[in-house]
Amino acid sequence: MYFIALATDYDGTLAHDGIVSRKTLDALERFKKSGRKLVLVTGRELPDLKGV
């Protein structure tokens, strides 16, 4: 068994100044619908990340 996943940073990669563009959100949604897993990699603590 194998997993297909995308691990990506949040700040400065997916989000810029705390905002994720519509184009990026759409691409991530297509990725998720393909059955793959998205893993956020960040130095933030979870409560802070949930806040943004």
PDB file of N, CA and C in Angstrom:
ATOM      1  N   MET A   1       0.848  -1.186   0.000  1.00  0.00           N
ATOM      2  CA  MET A   1       0.000   0.000   0.000  1.00  0.00           C
ATOM      3  C   MET A   1       0.887   1.241   0.000  1.00  0.00           C
ATOM      4  N   TYR A   2       0.453   2.274  -0.688  1.00  0.00           N
ATOM      5  CA  TYR A   2       1.207   3.512  -0.712  1.00  0.00           C
ATOM      6  C   TYR A   2       0.235   4.681  -0.588  1.00  0.00           C
ATOM      7  N   PHE A   3       0.776   5.818  -0.235  1.00  0.00           N
ATOM      8  CA  PHE A   3      -0.029   7.022  -0.073  1.00  0.00           C
ATOM      9  C   PHE A   3       0.454   8.076  -1.057  1.00  0.00           C
ATOM     10  N   ILE A   4      -0.476   8.808  -1.583  1.00  0.00           N
ATOM     11  CA  ILE A   4      -0.124   9.940  -2.431  1.00  0.00           C
ATOM     12  C   ILE A   4      -0.576  11.181  -1.686  1.00  0.00           C
ATOM     13  N   ALA A   5       0.393  12.023  -1.354  1.00  0.00           N
ATOM     14  CA  ALA A   5       0.086  13.190  -0.539  1.00  0.00           C
ATOM     15  C   ALA A   5       0.919  14.380  -0.988  1.00  0.00           C
ATOM     16  N   LEU A   6       0.443  15.538  -0.622  1.00  0.00           N
ATOM     17  CA  LEU A   6       1.164  16.786  -0.838  1.00  0.00           C
ATOM     18  C   LEU A   6       1.387  17.422   0.521  1.00  0.00           C
ATOM     19  N   ALA A   7       2.632  17.596   0.889  1.00  0.00           N
ATOM     20  CA  ALA A   7       2.976  18.290   2.124  1.00  0.00           C
ATOM     21  C   ALA A   7       3.476  19.675   1.728  1.00  0.00           C
ATOM     22  N   THR A   8       2.855  20.696   2.273  1.00  0.00           N
ATOM     23  CA  THR A   8       3.212  22.064   1.884  1.00  0.00           C
ATOM     24  C   THR A   8       3.149  23.003   3.067  1.00  0.00           C
ATOM     25  N   ASP A   9       3.981  24.004   3.037  1.00  0.00           N
ATOM     26  CA  ASP A   9       3.995  25.051   4.042  1.00  0.00           C
ATOM     27  C   ASP A   9       2.770  25.941   3.853  1.00  0.00           C
ATOM     28  N   TYR A  10       2.359  26.574   4.913  1.00  0.00           N
ATOM     29  CA  TYR A  10       1.202  27.478   4.851  1.00  0.00           C
ATOM     30  C   TYR A  10       1.648  28.914   4.578  1.00  0.00           C
ATOM     31  N   ASP A  11       2.361  29.505   5.521  1.00  0.00           N
ATOM     32  CA  ASP A  11       2.754  30.921   5.398  1.00  0.00           C
ATOM     33  C   ASP A  11       3.791  31.125   4.304  1.00  0.00           C
ATOM     34  N   GLY A  12       3.463  31.989   3.368  1.00  0.00           N
ATOM     35  CA  GLY A  12       4.389  32.320   2.299  1.00  0.00           C
ATOM     36  C   GLY A  12       4.362  31.341   1.136  1.00  0.00           C
ATOM     37  N   THR A  13       3.616  30.245   1.287  1.00  0.00           N
ATOM     38  CA  THR A  13       3.497  29.271   0.210  1.00  0.00           C
ATOM     39  C   THR A  13       2.042  29.184  -0.235  1.00  0.00           C
ATOM     40  N   LEU A  14       1.179  28.699   0.651  1.00  0.00           N
ATOM     41  CA  LEU A  14      -0.253  28.680   0.334  1.00  0.00           C
ATOM     42  C   LEU A  14      -0.895  30.032   0.618  1.00  0.00           C
ATOM     43  N   ALA A  15      -0.476  30.647   1.697  1.00  0.00           N
ATOM     44  CA  ALA A  15      -1.069  31.928   2.107  1.00  0.00           C
ATOM     45  C   ALA A  15      -0.030  33.036   2.057  1.00  0.00           C
ATOM     46  N   HIS A  16      -0.487  34.199   1.671  1.00  0.00           N
ATOM     47  CA  HIS A  16       0.365  35.392   1.660  1.00  0.00           C
ATOM     48  C   HIS A  16      -0.372  36.471   2.445  1.00  0.00           C
ATOM     49  N   ASP A  17       0.279  36.967   3.488  1.00  0.00           N
ATOM     50  CA  ASP A  17      -0.347  37.928   4.406  1.00  0.00           C
ATOM     51  C   ASP A  17      -1.641  37.356   4.984  1.00  0.00           C
ATOM     52  N   GLY A  18      -1.643  36.037   5.246  1.00  0.00           N
ATOM     53  CA  GLY A  18      -2.788  35.377   5.858  1.00  0.00           C
ATOM     54  C   GLY A  18      -3.941  35.064   4.923  1.00  0.00           C
ATOM     55  N   ILE A  19      -3.752  35.288   3.623  1.00  0.00           N
ATOM     56  CA  ILE A  19      -4.834  35.080   2.659  1.00  0.00           C
ATOM     57  C   ILE A  19      -4.425  34.014   1.642  1.00  0.00           C
ATOM     58  N   VAL A  20      -5.316  33.039   1.459  1.00  0.00           N
ATOM     59  CA  VAL A  20      -5.121  32.010   0.429  1.00  0.00           C
ATOM     60  C   VAL A  20      -5.976  32.416  -0.768  1.00  0.00           C
ATOM     61  N   SER A  21      -5.366  32.511  -1.917  1.00  0.00           N
ATOM     62  CA  SER A  21      -6.087  32.969  -3.117  1.00  0.00           C
ATOM     63  C   SER A  21      -7.146  31.965  -3.552  1.00  0.00           C
ATOM     64  N   ARG A  22      -8.136  32.430  -4.246  1.00  0.00           N
ATOM     65  CA  ARG A  22      -9.199  31.580  -4.779  1.00  0.00           C
ATOM     66  C   ARG A  22      -8.599  30.525  -5.709  1.00  0.00           C
ATOM     67  N   LYS A  23      -7.629  30.910  -6.526  1.00  0.00           N
ATOM     68  CA  LYS A  23      -6.979  29.991  -7.459  1.00  0.00           C
ATOM     69  C   LYS A  23      -6.307  28.840  -6.703  1.00  0.00           C
ATOM     70  N   THR A  24      -5.630  29.164  -5.611  1.00  0.00           N
ATOM     71  CA  THR A  24      -4.971  28.149  -4.793  1.00  0.00           C
ATOM     72  C   THR A  24      -6.000  27.244  -4.125  1.00  0.00           C
ATOM     73  N   LEU A  25      -7.054  27.827  -3.567  1.00  0.00           N
ATOM     74  CA  LEU A  25      -8.112  27.031  -2.934  1.00  0.00           C
ATOM     75  C   LEU A  25      -8.758  26.069  -3.934  1.00  0.00           C
ATOM     76  N   ASP A  26      -9.011  26.551  -5.139  1.00  0.00           N
ATOM     77  CA  ASP A  26      -9.602  25.708  -6.176  1.00  0.00           C
ATOM     78  C   ASP A  26      -8.680  24.532  -6.526  1.00  0.00           C
ATOM     79  N   ALA A  27      -7.377  24.819  -6.635  1.00  0.00           N
ATOM     80  CA  ALA A  27      -6.412  23.761  -6.955  1.00  0.00           C
ATOM     81  C   ALA A  27      -6.344  22.728  -5.836  1.00  0.00           C
ATOM     82  N   LEU A  28      -6.362  23.187  -4.587  1.00  0.00           N
ATOM     83  CA  LEU A  28      -6.333  22.269  -3.456  1.00  0.00           C
ATOM     84  C   LEU A  28      -7.596  21.416  -3.392  1.00  0.00           C
ATOM     85  N   GLU A  29      -8.723  21.996  -3.735  1.00  0.00           N
ATOM     86  CA  GLU A  29      -9.975  21.248  -3.753  1.00  0.00           C
ATOM     87  C   GLU A  29      -9.937  20.158  -4.831  1.00  0.00           C
ATOM     88  N   ARG A  30      -9.423  20.487  -6.003  1.00  0.00           N
ATOM     89  CA  ARG A  30      -9.288  19.481  -7.068  1.00  0.00           C
ATOM     90  C   ARG A  30      -8.350  18.355  -6.620  1.00  0.00           C
ATOM     91  N   PHE A  31      -7.270  18.734  -5.966  1.00  0.00           N
ATOM     92  CA  PHE A  31      -6.300  17.759  -5.459  1.00  0.00           C
ATOM     93  C   PHE A  31      -6.969  16.823  -4.463  1.00  0.00           C
ATOM     94  N   LYS A  32      -7.719  17.379  -3.533  1.00  0.00           N
ATOM     95  CA  LYS A  32      -8.408  16.594  -2.507  1.00  0.00           C
ATOM     96  C   LYS A  32      -9.447  15.654  -3.136  1.00  0.00           C
ATOM     97  N   LYS A  33     -10.190  16.140  -4.102  1.00  0.00           N
ATOM     98  CA  LYS A  33     -11.216  15.326  -4.764  1.00  0.00           C
ATOM     99  C   LYS A  33     -10.609  14.166  -5.556  1.00  0.00           C
ATOM    100  N   SER A  34      -9.324  14.253  -5.874  1.00  0.00           N
ATOM    101  CA  SER A  34      -8.662  13.176  -6.603  1.00  0.00           C
ATOM    102  C   SER A  34      -8.298  12.007  -5.686  1.00  0.00           C
ATOM    103  N   GLY A  35      -8.582  12.150  -4.390  1.00  0.00           N
ATOM    104  CA  GLY A  35      -8.305  11.081  -3.438  1.00  0.00           C
ATOM    105  C   GLY A  35      -6.972  11.195  -2.737  1.00  0.00           C
ATOM    106  N   ARG A  36      -6.242  12.223  -3.048  1.00  0.00           N
ATOM    107  CA  ARG A  36      -4.942  12.423  -2.400  1.00  0.00           C
ATOM    108  C   ARG A  36      -5.124  13.151  -1.073  1.00  0.00           C
ATOM    109  N   LYS A  37      -4.090  13.120  -0.249  1.00  0.00           N
ATOM    110  CA  LYS A  37      -4.119  13.765   1.068  1.00  0.00           C
ATOM    111  C   LYS A  37      -3.285  15.035   1.049  1.00  0.00           C
ATOM    112  N   LEU A  38      -3.780  16.046   1.743  1.00  0.00           N
ATOM    113  CA  LEU A  38      -3.063  17.307   1.893  1.00  0.00           C
ATOM    114  C   LEU A  38      -2.574  17.414   3.324  1.00  0.00           C
ATOM    115  N   VAL A  39      -1.279  17.682   3.489  1.00  0.00           N
ATOM    116  CA  VAL A  39      -0.668  17.809   4.800  1.00  0.00           C
ATOM    117  C   VAL A  39      -0.085  19.215   4.914  1.00  0.00           C
ATOM    118  N   LEU A  40      -0.571  19.986   5.884  1.00  0.00           N
ATOM    119  CA  LEU A  40      -0.010  21.315   6.119  1.00  0.00           C
ATOM    120  C   LEU A  40       1.213  21.184   7.012  1.00  0.00           C
ATOM    121  N   VAL A  41       2.287  21.840   6.610  1.00  0.00           N
ATOM    122  CA  VAL A  41       3.520  21.850   7.367  1.00  0.00           C
ATOM    123  C   VAL A  41       3.742  23.293   7.799  1.00  0.00           C
ATOM    124  N   THR A  42       3.799  23.521   9.102  1.00  0.00           N
ATOM    125  CA  THR A  42       3.928  24.896   9.574  1.00  0.00           C
ATOM    126  C   THR A  42       4.608  24.930  10.932  1.00  0.00           C
ATOM    127  N   GLY A  43       5.193  26.060  11.229  1.00  0.00           N
ATOM    128  CA  GLY A  43       5.764  26.285  12.549  1.00  0.00           C
ATOM    129  C   GLY A  43       4.738  26.841  13.517  1.00  0.00           C
ATOM    130  N   ARG A  44       3.555  27.147  13.006  1.00  0.00           N
ATOM    131  CA  ARG A  44       2.493  27.697  13.856  1.00  0.00           C
ATOM    132  C   ARG A  44       1.929  26.616  14.771  1.00  0.00           C
ATOM    133  N   GLU A  45       1.360  27.062  15.884  1.00  0.00           N
ATOM    134  CA  GLU A  45       0.639  26.141  16.744  1.00  0.00           C
ATOM    135  C   GLU A  45      -0.791  26.038  16.233  1.00  0.00           C
ATOM    136  N   LEU A  46      -1.421  24.894  16.447  1.00  0.00           N
ATOM    137  CA  LEU A  46      -2.728  24.602  15.877  1.00  0.00           C
ATOM    138  C   LEU A  46      -3.784  25.666  16.179  1.00  0.00           C
ATOM    139  N   PRO A  47      -3.939  26.158  17.411  1.00  0.00           N
ATOM    140  CA  PRO A  47      -4.962  27.188  17.660  1.00  0.00           C
ATOM    141  C   PRO A  47      -4.742  28.439  16.805  1.00  0.00           C
ATOM    142  N   ASP A  48      -3.491  28.827  16.604  1.00  0.00           N
ATOM    143  CA  ASP A  48      -3.178  29.991  15.778  1.00  0.00           C
ATOM    144  C   ASP A  48      -3.530  29.726  14.321  1.00  0.00           C
ATOM    145  N   LEU A  49      -3.208  28.539  13.836  1.00  0.00           N
ATOM    146  CA  LEU A  49      -3.519  28.191  12.445  1.00  0.00           C
ATOM    147  C   LEU A  49      -5.024  28.132  12.218  1.00  0.00           C
ATOM    148  N   LYS A  50      -5.753  27.586  13.183  1.00  0.00           N
ATOM    149  CA  LYS A  50      -7.216  27.542  13.053  1.00  0.00           C
ATOM    150  C   LYS A  50      -7.816  28.957  13.016  1.00  0.00           C
ATOM    151  N   GLY A  51      -7.162  29.892  13.674  1.00  0.00           N
ATOM    152  CA  GLY A  51      -7.639  31.265  13.703  1.00  0.00           C
ATOM    153  C   GLY A  51      -7.548  31.988  12.371  1.00  0.00           C
ATOM    154  N   VAL A  52      -6.613  31.560  11.540  1.00  0.00           N
ATOM    155  CA  VAL A  52      -6.464  32.198  10.237  1.00  0.00           C
ATOM    156  C   VAL A  52      -7.181  31.403   9.191  1.00  0.00           C
TER     157      VAL A  52
END
